[in-house]
């Protein structure tokens, strides 16, 4: 499926992605970035978040997530927020369309 990632906050389009749902993980999607217009600051935040998760420094995750969630990233055609975004090798992208918690999935960012 091809869709646009945009910011609900400032209404800017940041990427066009071709993605599909993971067969094993609910609400988890993987794909490729076709057009990338993410601002450098947001890419740096995503890279920082990915590094924290990869290093298992989970006490630092909340601060990085809050900064990314301030952009209120969403899929335009699907009309769904995206959570836990990861970008690898400049064009591989993955994300959830619901926020995963120990108690299930949520439609909103954690408060």
PDB file of N, CA and C in Angstrom:
ATOM      1  N   UNK A   1       0.843  -1.160   0.000  1.00  0.00           N
ATOM      2  CA  UNK A   1       0.000   0.000   0.000  1.00  0.00           C
ATOM      3  C   UNK A   1       0.901   1.240   0.000  1.00  0.00           C
ATOM      4  N   UNK A   2       0.545   2.203  -0.783  1.00  0.00           N
ATOM      5  CA  UNK A   2       1.300   3.456  -0.840  1.00  0.00           C
ATOM      6  C   UNK A   2       0.503   4.522  -0.104  1.00  0.00           C
ATOM      7  N   UNK A   3       1.195   5.266   0.742  1.00  0.00           N
ATOM      8  CA  UNK A   3       0.540   6.297   1.545  1.00  0.00           C
ATOM      9  C   UNK A   3       1.559   7.393   1.847  1.00  0.00           C
ATOM     10  N   UNK A   4       1.068   8.487   2.383  1.00  0.00           N
ATOM     11  CA  UNK A   4       1.900   9.627   2.748  1.00  0.00           C
ATOM     12  C   UNK A   4       1.949   9.755   4.266  1.00  0.00           C
ATOM     13  N   UNK A   5       3.148   9.915   4.798  1.00  0.00           N
ATOM     14  CA  UNK A   5       3.308  10.231   6.209  1.00  0.00           C
ATOM     15  C   UNK A   5       3.338  11.746   6.311  1.00  0.00           C
ATOM     16  N   UNK A   6       2.475  12.280   7.183  1.00  0.00           N
ATOM     17  CA  UNK A   6       2.423  13.723   7.349  1.00  0.00           C
ATOM     18  C   UNK A   6       2.277  14.074   8.825  1.00  0.00           C
ATOM     19  N   UNK A   7       2.478  15.326   9.120  1.00  0.00           N
ATOM     20  CA  UNK A   7       2.322  15.833  10.480  1.00  0.00           C
ATOM     21  C   UNK A   7       0.929  16.436  10.621  1.00  0.00           C
ATOM     22  N   UNK A   8       0.152  15.924  11.565  1.00  0.00           N
ATOM     23  CA  UNK A   8      -1.153  16.533  11.835  1.00  0.00           C
ATOM     24  C   UNK A   8      -0.972  17.910  12.464  1.00  0.00           C
ATOM     25  N   UNK A   9       0.160  18.122  13.091  1.00  0.00           N
ATOM     26  CA  UNK A   9       0.431  19.388  13.780  1.00  0.00           C
ATOM     27  C   UNK A   9       0.593  20.532  12.779  1.00  0.00           C
ATOM     28  N   UNK A  10       1.466  20.339  11.787  1.00  0.00           N
ATOM     29  CA  UNK A  10       1.725  21.433  10.845  1.00  0.00           C
ATOM     30  C   UNK A  10       1.265  21.130   9.414  1.00  0.00           C
ATOM     31  N   UNK A  11       0.598  20.009   9.231  1.00  0.00           N
ATOM     32  CA  UNK A  11       0.000  19.628   7.936  1.00  0.00           C
ATOM     33  C   UNK A  11       1.019  19.432   6.816  1.00  0.00           C
ATOM     34  N   UNK A  12       2.285  19.199   7.171  1.00  0.00           N
ATOM     35  CA  UNK A  12       3.311  18.977   6.159  1.00  0.00           C
ATOM     36  C   UNK A  12       3.472  17.496   5.858  1.00  0.00           C
ATOM     37  N   UNK A  13       3.663  17.179   4.572  1.00  0.00           N
ATOM     38  CA  UNK A  13       3.961  15.806   4.160  1.00  0.00           C
ATOM     39  C   UNK A  13       5.457  15.575   4.321  1.00  0.00           C
ATOM     40  N   UNK A  14       5.817  14.424   4.910  1.00  0.00           N
ATOM     41  CA  UNK A  14       7.227  14.126   5.167  1.00  0.00           C
ATOM     42  C   UNK A  14       7.763  12.956   4.348  1.00  0.00           C
ATOM     43  N   UNK A  15       6.898  12.088   3.889  1.00  0.00           N
ATOM     44  CA  UNK A  15       7.383  10.938   3.123  1.00  0.00           C
ATOM     45  C   UNK A  15       6.232  10.258   2.398  1.00  0.00           C
ATOM     46  N   UNK A  16       6.565   9.631   1.303  1.00  0.00           N
ATOM     47  CA  UNK A  16       5.660   8.713   0.629  1.00  0.00           C
ATOM     48  C   UNK A  16       6.265   7.340   0.859  1.00  0.00           C
ATOM     49  N   UNK A  17       5.440   6.419   1.349  1.00  0.00           N
ATOM     50  CA  UNK A  17       5.931   5.087   1.700  1.00  0.00           C
ATOM     51  C   UNK A  17       5.092   4.010   1.025  1.00  0.00           C
ATOM     52  N   UNK A  18       5.751   2.920   0.721  1.00  0.00           N
ATOM     53  CA  UNK A  18       5.097   1.710   0.231  1.00  0.00           C
ATOM     54  C   UNK A  18       5.276   0.678   1.335  1.00  0.00           C
ATOM     55  N   UNK A  19       4.193   0.259   1.964  1.00  0.00           N
ATOM     56  CA  UNK A  19       4.304  -0.585   3.156  1.00  0.00           C
ATOM     57  C   UNK A  19       3.252  -1.688   3.154  1.00  0.00           C
ATOM     58  N   UNK A  20       3.483  -2.673   4.002  1.00  0.00           N
ATOM     59  CA  UNK A  20       2.512  -3.754   4.184  1.00  0.00           C
ATOM     60  C   UNK A  20       2.541  -4.203   5.641  1.00  0.00           C
ATOM     61  N   UNK A  21       1.465  -4.836   6.051  1.00  0.00           N
ATOM     62  CA  UNK A  21       1.341  -5.288   7.427  1.00  0.00           C
ATOM     63  C   UNK A  21       2.181  -6.532   7.667  1.00  0.00           C
ATOM     64  N   UNK A  22       2.842  -6.564   8.818  1.00  0.00           N
ATOM     65  CA  UNK A  22       3.595  -7.740   9.230  1.00  0.00           C
ATOM     66  C   UNK A  22       2.592  -8.855   9.510  1.00  0.00           C
ATOM     67  N   UNK A  23       2.897 -10.048   9.084  1.00  0.00           N
ATOM     68  CA  UNK A  23       1.968 -11.168   9.240  1.00  0.00           C
ATOM     69  C   UNK A  23       1.881 -11.689  10.667  1.00  0.00           C
ATOM     70  N   UNK A  24       2.892 -11.398  11.490  1.00  0.00           N
ATOM     71  CA  UNK A  24       2.926 -11.961  12.837  1.00  0.00           C
ATOM     72  C   UNK A  24       2.636 -10.968  13.951  1.00  0.00           C
ATOM     73  N   UNK A  25       2.860  -9.680  13.714  1.00  0.00           N
ATOM     74  CA  UNK A  25       2.712  -8.686  14.777  1.00  0.00           C
ATOM     75  C   UNK A  25       1.540  -7.762  14.446  1.00  0.00           C
ATOM     76  N   UNK A  26       0.579  -7.731  15.341  1.00  0.00           N
ATOM     77  CA  UNK A  26      -0.620  -6.929  15.144  1.00  0.00           C
ATOM     78  C   UNK A  26      -0.276  -5.432  15.098  1.00  0.00           C
ATOM     79  N   UNK A  27      -0.879  -4.719  14.135  1.00  0.00           N
ATOM     80  CA  UNK A  27      -0.723  -3.275  13.967  1.00  0.00           C
ATOM     81  C   UNK A  27       0.708  -2.834  13.624  1.00  0.00           C
ATOM     82  N   UNK A  28       1.556  -3.767  13.163  1.00  0.00           N
ATOM     83  CA  UNK A  28       2.940  -3.467  12.825  1.00  0.00           C
ATOM     84  C   UNK A  28       3.116  -3.540  11.313  1.00  0.00           C
ATOM     85  N   UNK A  29       3.786  -2.536  10.756  1.00  0.00           N
ATOM     86  CA  UNK A  29       3.959  -2.431   9.315  1.00  0.00           C
ATOM     87  C   UNK A  29       5.426  -2.193   8.969  1.00  0.00           C
ATOM     88  N   UNK A  30       5.828  -2.700   7.794  1.00  0.00           N
ATOM     89  CA  UNK A  30       7.183  -2.518   7.274  1.00  0.00           C
ATOM     90  C   UNK A  30       7.083  -2.097   5.819  1.00  0.00           C
ATOM     91  N   UNK A  31       8.079  -1.319   5.396  1.00  0.00           N
ATOM     92  CA  UNK A  31       8.054  -0.912   4.005  1.00  0.00           C
ATOM     93  C   UNK A  31       9.275  -0.126   3.600  1.00  0.00           C
ATOM     94  N   UNK A  32       9.129   0.589   2.490  1.00  0.00           N
ATOM     95  CA  UNK A  32      10.200   1.393   1.918  1.00  0.00           C
ATOM     96  C   UNK A  32       9.723   2.828   1.757  1.00  0.00           C
ATOM     97  N   UNK A  33      10.640   3.732   1.983  1.00  0.00           N
ATOM     98  CA  UNK A  33      10.366   5.142   1.742  1.00  0.00           C
ATOM     99  C   UNK A  33      10.619   5.413   0.266  1.00  0.00           C
ATOM    100  N   UNK A  34       9.606   5.890  -0.427  1.00  0.00           N
ATOM    101  CA  UNK A  34       9.718   6.195  -1.860  1.00  0.00           C
ATOM    102  C   UNK A  34      10.207   7.633  -2.051  1.00  0.00           C
ATOM    103  N   UNK A  35       9.631   8.557  -1.289  1.00  0.00           N
ATOM    104  CA  UNK A  35      10.043   9.962  -1.306  1.00  0.00           C
ATOM    105  C   UNK A  35      10.264  10.387   0.136  1.00  0.00           C
ATOM    106  N   UNK A  36      11.420  10.966   0.417  1.00  0.00           N
ATOM    107  CA  UNK A  36      11.762  11.333   1.786  1.00  0.00           C
ATOM    108  C   UNK A  36      11.925  12.844   1.906  1.00  0.00           C
ATOM    109  N   UNK A  37      11.039  13.468   2.674  1.00  0.00           N
ATOM    110  CA  UNK A  37      11.120  14.904   2.953  1.00  0.00           C
ATOM    111  C   UNK A  37      11.115  15.165   4.454  1.00  0.00           C
ATOM    112  N   UNK A  38      11.513  14.142   5.245  1.00  0.00           N
ATOM    113  CA  UNK A  38      11.581  14.334   6.689  1.00  0.00           C
ATOM    114  C   UNK A  38      12.577  15.442   6.993  1.00  0.00           C
ATOM    115  N   UNK A  39      12.220  16.369   7.890  1.00  0.00           N
ATOM    116  CA  UNK A  39      13.199  17.381   8.283  1.00  0.00           C
ATOM    117  C   UNK A  39      14.367  16.727   9.025  1.00  0.00           C
ATOM    118  N   UNK A  40      15.527  17.320   8.895  1.00  0.00           N
ATOM    119  CA  UNK A  40      16.739  16.760   9.516  1.00  0.00           C
ATOM    120  C   UNK A  40      16.551  16.570  11.020  1.00  0.00           C
ATOM    121  N   UNK A  41      15.881  17.510  11.680  1.00  0.00           N
ATOM    122  CA  UNK A  41      15.655  17.404  13.127  1.00  0.00           C
ATOM    123  C   UNK A  41      14.840  16.164  13.481  1.00  0.00           C
ATOM    124  N   UNK A  42      13.793  15.897  12.703  1.00  0.00           N
ATOM    125  CA  UNK A  42      12.963  14.715  12.959  1.00  0.00           C
ATOM    126  C   UNK A  42      13.738  13.436  12.671  1.00  0.00           C
ATOM    127  N   UNK A  43      14.495  13.401  11.597  1.00  0.00           N
ATOM    128  CA  UNK A  43      15.319  12.217  11.301  1.00  0.00           C
ATOM    129  C   UNK A  43      16.310  11.954  12.425  1.00  0.00           C
ATOM    130  N   UNK A  44      16.897  13.017  12.974  1.00  0.00           N
ATOM    131  CA  UNK A  44      17.837  12.861  14.090  1.00  0.00           C
ATOM    132  C   UNK A  44      17.126  12.310  15.323  1.00  0.00           C
ATOM    133  N   UNK A  45      15.898  12.765  15.587  1.00  0.00           N
ATOM    134  CA  UNK A  45      15.124  12.253  16.720  1.00  0.00           C
ATOM    135  C   UNK A  45      14.792  10.773  16.537  1.00  0.00           C
ATOM    136  N   UNK A  46      14.416  10.399  15.321  1.00  0.00           N
ATOM    137  CA  UNK A  46      14.092   8.995  15.036  1.00  0.00           C
ATOM    138  C   UNK A  46      15.344   8.139  15.202  1.00  0.00           C
ATOM    139  N   UNK A  47      16.476   8.637  14.713  1.00  0.00           N
ATOM    140  CA  UNK A  47      17.741   7.906  14.854  1.00  0.00           C
ATOM    141  C   UNK A  47      18.107   7.756  16.336  1.00  0.00           C
ATOM    142  N   UNK A  48      17.927   8.825  17.107  1.00  0.00           N
ATOM    143  CA  UNK A  48      18.198   8.765  18.544  1.00  0.00           C
ATOM    144  C   UNK A  48      17.291   7.738  19.224  1.00  0.00           C
ATOM    145  N   UNK A  49      16.011   7.772  18.899  1.00  0.00           N
ATOM    146  CA  UNK A  49      15.042   6.829  19.468  1.00  0.00           C
ATOM    147  C   UNK A  49      15.436   5.388  19.121  1.00  0.00           C
ATOM    148  N   UNK A  50      15.760   5.146  17.847  1.00  0.00           N
ATOM    149  CA  UNK A  50      16.164   3.797  17.411  1.00  0.00           C
ATOM    150  C   UNK A  50      17.407   3.326  18.149  1.00  0.00           C
ATOM    151  N   UNK A  51      18.379   4.223  18.364  1.00  0.00           N
ATOM    152  CA  UNK A  51      19.590   3.878  19.104  1.00  0.00           C
ATOM    153  C   UNK A  51      19.295   3.520  20.547  1.00  0.00           C
ATOM    154  N   UNK A  52      18.391   4.264  21.175  1.00  0.00           N
ATOM    155  CA  UNK A  52      17.999   3.979  22.560  1.00  0.00           C
ATOM    156  C   UNK A  52      17.358   2.597  22.655  1.00  0.00           C
ATOM    157  N   UNK A  53      16.457   2.311  21.725  1.00  0.00           N
ATOM    158  CA  UNK A  53      15.789   1.005  21.722  1.00  0.00           C
ATOM    159  C   UNK A  53      16.803  -0.103  21.443  1.00  0.00           C
ATOM    160  N   UNK A  54      17.672   0.095  20.451  1.00  0.00           N
ATOM    161  CA  UNK A  54      18.676  -0.925  20.113  1.00  0.00           C
ATOM    162  C   UNK A  54      19.631  -1.197  21.272  1.00  0.00           C
ATOM    163  N   UNK A  55      19.964  -0.137  22.026  1.00  0.00           N
ATOM    164  CA  UNK A  55      20.885  -0.281  23.157  1.00  0.00           C
ATOM    165  C   UNK A  55      20.176  -0.715  24.439  1.00  0.00           C
ATOM    166  N   UNK A  56      18.859  -0.874  24.358  1.00  0.00           N
ATOM    167  CA  UNK A  56      18.048  -1.286  25.509  1.00  0.00           C
ATOM    168  C   UNK A  56      18.174  -0.294  26.666  1.00  0.00           C
ATOM    169  N   UNK A  57      18.366   0.982  26.361  1.00  0.00           N
ATOM    170  CA  UNK A  57      18.434   2.036  27.377  1.00  0.00           C
ATOM    171  C   UNK A  57      17.016   2.579  27.581  1.00  0.00           C
ATOM    172  N   UNK A  58      16.124   1.712  27.994  1.00  0.00           N
ATOM    173  CA  UNK A  58      14.701   2.008  28.011  1.00  0.00           C
ATOM    174  C   UNK A  58      14.308   3.167  28.921  1.00  0.00           C
ATOM    175  N   UNK A  59      15.140   3.514  29.880  1.00  0.00           N
ATOM    176  CA  UNK A  59      14.823   4.651  30.744  1.00  0.00           C
ATOM    177  C   UNK A  59      14.860   5.968  29.964  1.00  0.00           C
ATOM    178  N   UNK A  60      15.490   5.977  28.798  1.00  0.00           N
ATOM    179  CA  UNK A  60      15.600   7.179  27.983  1.00  0.00           C
ATOM    180  C   UNK A  60      14.544   7.256  26.877  1.00  0.00           C
ATOM    181  N   UNK A  61      13.765   6.193  26.713  1.00  0.00           N
ATOM    182  CA  UNK A  61      12.814   6.118  25.604  1.00  0.00           C
ATOM    183  C   UNK A  61      11.744   7.199  25.679  1.00  0.00           C
ATOM    184  N   UNK A  62      11.186   7.429  26.861  1.00  0.00           N
ATOM    185  CA  UNK A  62      10.071   8.366  26.988  1.00  0.00           C
ATOM    186  C   UNK A  62      10.407   9.761  26.466  1.00  0.00           C
ATOM    187  N   UNK A  63      11.575  10.263  26.797  1.00  0.00           N
ATOM    188  CA  UNK A  63      11.962  11.599  26.343  1.00  0.00           C
ATOM    189  C   UNK A  63      12.069  11.682  24.827  1.00  0.00           C
ATOM    190  N   UNK A  64      12.666  10.680  24.222  1.00  0.00           N
ATOM    191  CA  UNK A  64      12.799  10.654  22.761  1.00  0.00           C
ATOM    192  C   UNK A  64      11.429  10.502  22.097  1.00  0.00           C
ATOM    193  N   UNK A  65      10.585   9.634  22.652  1.00  0.00           N
ATOM    194  CA  UNK A  65       9.237   9.445  22.094  1.00  0.00           C
ATOM    195  C   UNK A  65       8.447  10.743  22.130  1.00  0.00           C
ATOM    196  N   UNK A  66       8.487  11.448  23.241  1.00  0.00           N
ATOM    197  CA  UNK A  66       7.724  12.695  23.376  1.00  0.00           C
ATOM    198  C   UNK A  66       8.095  13.698  22.286  1.00  0.00           C
ATOM    199  N   UNK A  67       9.377  13.796  21.994  1.00  0.00           N
ATOM    200  CA  UNK A  67       9.826  14.737  20.966  1.00  0.00           C
ATOM    201  C   UNK A  67       9.307  14.335  19.586  1.00  0.00           C
ATOM    202  N   UNK A  68       9.319  13.039  19.296  1.00  0.00           N
ATOM    203  CA  UNK A  68       8.808  12.559  18.000  1.00  0.00           C
ATOM    204  C   UNK A  68       7.297  12.729  17.948  1.00  0.00           C
ATOM    205  N   UNK A  69       6.603  12.389  19.031  1.00  0.00           N
ATOM    206  CA  UNK A  69       5.142  12.466  19.037  1.00  0.00           C
ATOM    207  C   UNK A  69       4.638  13.902  18.949  1.00  0.00           C
ATOM    208  N   UNK A  70       5.483  14.874  19.260  1.00  0.00           N
ATOM    209  CA  UNK A  70       5.093  16.280  19.108  1.00  0.00           C
ATOM    210  C   UNK A  70       4.785  16.604  17.639  1.00  0.00           C
ATOM    211  N   UNK A  71       5.353  15.830  16.710  1.00  0.00           N
ATOM    212  CA  UNK A  71       5.060  16.015  15.285  1.00  0.00           C
ATOM    213  C   UNK A  71       3.703  15.438  14.898  1.00  0.00           C
ATOM    214  N   UNK A  72       3.152  14.568  15.724  1.00  0.00           N
ATOM    215  CA  UNK A  72       1.850  13.931  15.479  1.00  0.00           C
ATOM    216  C   UNK A  72       1.808  13.308  14.080  1.00  0.00           C
ATOM    217  N   UNK A  73       2.725  12.366  13.847  1.00  0.00           N
ATOM    218  CA  UNK A  73       2.851  11.726  12.539  1.00  0.00           C
ATOM    219  C   UNK A  73       1.689  10.778  12.275  1.00  0.00           C
ATOM    220  N   UNK A  74       1.203  10.807  11.033  1.00  0.00           N
ATOM    221  CA  UNK A  74       0.052   9.995  10.643  1.00  0.00           C
ATOM    222  C   UNK A  74       0.182   9.547   9.197  1.00  0.00           C
ATOM    223  N   UNK A  75      -0.578   8.513   8.876  1.00  0.00           N
ATOM    224  CA  UNK A  75      -0.733   8.080   7.491  1.00  0.00           C
ATOM    225  C   UNK A  75      -1.965   8.781   6.934  1.00  0.00           C
ATOM    226  N   UNK A  76      -1.815   9.430   5.817  1.00  0.00           N
ATOM    227  CA  UNK A  76      -2.902  10.246   5.266  1.00  0.00           C
ATOM    228  C   UNK A  76      -4.084   9.405   4.788  1.00  0.00           C
ATOM    229  N   UNK A  77      -3.871   8.485   3.873  1.00  0.00           N
ATOM    230  CA  UNK A  77      -4.980   7.705   3.309  1.00  0.00           C
ATOM    231  C   UNK A  77      -5.611   6.781   4.347  1.00  0.00           C
ATOM    232  N   UNK A  78      -4.806   6.234   5.200  1.00  0.00           N
ATOM    233  CA  UNK A  78      -5.297   5.313   6.232  1.00  0.00           C
ATOM    234  C   UNK A  78      -5.932   6.071   7.403  1.00  0.00           C
ATOM    235  N   UNK A  79      -5.642   7.369   7.510  1.00  0.00           N
ATOM    236  CA  UNK A  79      -6.123   8.222   8.602  1.00  0.00           C
ATOM    237  C   UNK A  79      -5.820   7.596   9.955  1.00  0.00           C
ATOM    238  N   UNK A  80      -4.532   7.310  10.149  1.00  0.00           N
ATOM    239  CA  UNK A  80      -4.089   6.637  11.365  1.00  0.00           C
ATOM    240  C   UNK A  80      -2.759   7.212  11.824  1.00  0.00           C
ATOM    241  N   UNK A  81      -2.637   7.472  13.107  1.00  0.00           N
ATOM    242  CA  UNK A  81      -1.356   7.898  13.667  1.00  0.00           C
ATOM    243  C   UNK A  81      -0.352   6.760  13.545  1.00  0.00           C
ATOM    244  N   UNK A  82       0.933   7.127  13.561  1.00  0.00           N
ATOM    245  CA  UNK A  82       1.959   6.087  13.589  1.00  0.00           C
ATOM    246  C   UNK A  82       2.792   6.235  14.859  1.00  0.00           C
ATOM    247  N   UNK A  83       3.226   5.097  15.369  1.00  0.00           N
ATOM    248  CA  UNK A  83       3.946   5.021  16.626  1.00  0.00           C
ATOM    249  C   UNK A  83       5.202   4.178  16.441  1.00  0.00           C
ATOM    250  N   UNK A  84       6.189   4.399  17.298  1.00  0.00           N
ATOM    251  CA  UNK A  84       7.422   3.595  17.319  1.00  0.00           C
ATOM    252  C   UNK A  84       8.057   3.503  15.927  1.00  0.00           C
ATOM    253  N   UNK A  85       8.182   4.623  15.279  1.00  0.00           N
ATOM    254  CA  UNK A  85       8.738   4.666  13.919  1.00  0.00           C
ATOM    255  C   UNK A  85      10.232   4.341  13.940  1.00  0.00           C
ATOM    256  N   UNK A  86      10.643   3.572  12.963  1.00  0.00           N
ATOM    257  CA  UNK A  86      12.041   3.212  12.800  1.00  0.00           C
ATOM    258  C   UNK A  86      12.416   3.390  11.335  1.00  0.00           C
ATOM    259  N   UNK A  87      13.565   4.009  11.096  1.00  0.00           N
ATOM    260  CA  UNK A  87      14.090   4.153   9.739  1.00  0.00           C
ATOM    261  C   UNK A  87      15.506   3.604   9.746  1.00  0.00           C
ATOM    262  N   UNK A  88      15.751   2.637   8.892  1.00  0.00           N
ATOM    263  CA  UNK A  88      17.076   2.015   8.764  1.00  0.00           C
ATOM    264  C   UNK A  88      17.544   2.140   7.311  1.00  0.00           C
ATOM    265  N   UNK A  89      18.824   2.282   7.135  1.00  0.00           N
ATOM    266  CA  UNK A  89      19.438   2.327   5.798  1.00  0.00           C
ATOM    267  C   UNK A  89      18.805   3.375   4.886  1.00  0.00           C
ATOM    268  N   UNK A  90      18.299   4.451   5.466  1.00  0.00           N
ATOM    269  CA  UNK A  90      17.734   5.609   4.772  1.00  0.00           C
ATOM    270  C   UNK A  90      16.410   5.357   4.069  1.00  0.00           C
ATOM    271  N   UNK A  91      16.037   4.090   3.810  1.00  0.00           N
ATOM    272  CA  UNK A  91      14.770   3.882   3.105  1.00  0.00           C
ATOM    273  C   UNK A  91      13.906   2.748   3.664  1.00  0.00           C
ATOM    274  N   UNK A  92      14.388   2.025   4.653  1.00  0.00           N
ATOM    275  CA  UNK A  92      13.572   0.985   5.275  1.00  0.00           C
ATOM    276  C   UNK A  92      12.829   1.593   6.456  1.00  0.00           C
ATOM    277  N   UNK A  93      11.516   1.418   6.483  1.00  0.00           N
ATOM    278  CA  UNK A  93      10.719   2.026   7.535  1.00  0.00           C
ATOM    279  C   UNK A  93       9.828   0.970   8.185  1.00  0.00           C
ATOM    280  N   UNK A  94       9.616   1.131   9.475  1.00  0.00           N
ATOM    281  CA  UNK A  94       8.659   0.291  10.182  1.00  0.00           C
ATOM    282  C   UNK A  94       7.981   1.152  11.243  1.00  0.00           C
ATOM    283  N   UNK A  95       6.769   0.759  11.605  1.00  0.00           N
ATOM    284  CA  UNK A  95       5.994   1.528  12.562  1.00  0.00           C
ATOM    285  C   UNK A  95       4.762   0.718  12.986  1.00  0.00           C
ATOM    286  N   UNK A  96       4.142   1.158  14.046  1.00  0.00           N
ATOM    287  CA  UNK A  96       2.862   0.622  14.497  1.00  0.00           C
ATOM    288  C   UNK A  96       1.774   1.643  14.162  1.00  0.00           C
ATOM    289  N   UNK A  97       0.546   1.179  13.961  1.00  0.00           N
ATOM    290  CA  UNK A  97      -0.584   2.094  13.778  1.00  0.00           C
ATOM    291  C   UNK A  97      -1.414   2.205  15.052  1.00  0.00           C
ATOM    292  N   UNK A  98      -0.995   1.521  16.076  1.00  0.00           N
ATOM    293  CA  UNK A  98      -1.551   1.675  17.424  1.00  0.00           C
ATOM    294  C   UNK A  98      -0.373   1.610  18.385  1.00  0.00           C
ATOM    295  N   UNK A  99      -0.484   2.312  19.509  1.00  0.00           N
ATOM    296  CA  UNK A  99       0.616   2.368  20.468  1.00  0.00           C
ATOM    297  C   UNK A  99       0.624   1.096  21.316  1.00  0.00           C
ATOM    298  N   UNK A 100       1.703   0.308  21.235  1.00  0.00           N
ATOM    299  CA  UNK A 100       1.753  -0.937  22.008  1.00  0.00           C
ATOM    300  C   UNK A 100       2.066  -0.666  23.485  1.00  0.00           C
ATOM    301  N   UNK A 101       1.288  -1.276  24.361  1.00  0.00           N
ATOM    302  CA  UNK A 101       1.532  -1.190  25.805  1.00  0.00           C
ATOM    303  C   UNK A 101       1.423  -2.591  26.396  1.00  0.00           C
ATOM    304  N   UNK A 102       1.766  -2.723  27.645  1.00  0.00           N
ATOM    305  CA  UNK A 102       1.631  -4.010  28.329  1.00  0.00           C
ATOM    306  C   UNK A 102       0.181  -4.430  28.481  1.00  0.00           C
ATOM    307  N   UNK A 103      -0.734  -3.462  28.363  1.00  0.00           N
ATOM    308  CA  UNK A 103      -2.162  -3.735  28.513  1.00  0.00           C
ATOM    309  C   UNK A 103      -2.897  -3.775  27.171  1.00  0.00           C
ATOM    310  N   UNK A 104      -2.179  -3.855  26.085  1.00  0.00           N
ATOM    311  CA  UNK A 104      -2.815  -3.864  24.770  1.00  0.00           C
ATOM    312  C   UNK A 104      -2.385  -2.664  23.955  1.00  0.00           C
ATOM    313  N   UNK A 105      -3.199  -2.316  22.974  1.00  0.00           N
ATOM    314  CA  UNK A 105      -2.864  -1.239  22.055  1.00  0.00           C
ATOM    315  C   UNK A 105      -3.777  -0.033  22.272  1.00  0.00           C
ATOM    316  N   UNK A 106      -3.201   1.158  22.044  1.00  0.00           N
ATOM    317  CA  UNK A 106      -3.959   2.391  22.196  1.00  0.00           C
ATOM    318  C   UNK A 106      -3.923   3.177  20.895  1.00  0.00           C
ATOM    319  N   UNK A 107      -4.948   4.003  20.685  1.00  0.00           N
ATOM    320  CA  UNK A 107      -5.029   4.837  19.490  1.00  0.00           C
ATOM    321  C   UNK A 107      -4.343   6.189  19.658  1.00  0.00           C
ATOM    322  N   UNK A 108      -4.031   6.557  20.878  1.00  0.00           N
ATOM    323  CA  UNK A 108      -3.444   7.853  21.178  1.00  0.00           C
ATOM    324  C   UNK A 108      -2.046   7.698  21.753  1.00  0.00           C
ATOM    325  N   UNK A 109      -1.309   8.787  21.748  1.00  0.00           N
ATOM    326  CA  UNK A 109       0.003   8.801  22.370  1.00  0.00           C
ATOM    327  C   UNK A 109      -0.152   8.668  23.882  1.00  0.00           C
ATOM    328  N   UNK A 110       0.826   8.099  24.538  1.00  0.00           N
ATOM    329  CA  UNK A 110       0.736   8.002  26.008  1.00  0.00           C
ATOM    330  C   UNK A 110       0.768   9.396  26.627  1.00  0.00           C
ATOM    331  N   UNK A 111       0.074   9.524  27.735  1.00  0.00           N
ATOM    332  CA  UNK A 111       0.009  10.828  28.404  1.00  0.00           C
ATOM    333  C   UNK A 111       0.927  10.836  29.599  1.00  0.00           C
TER     334      UNK A 111
END
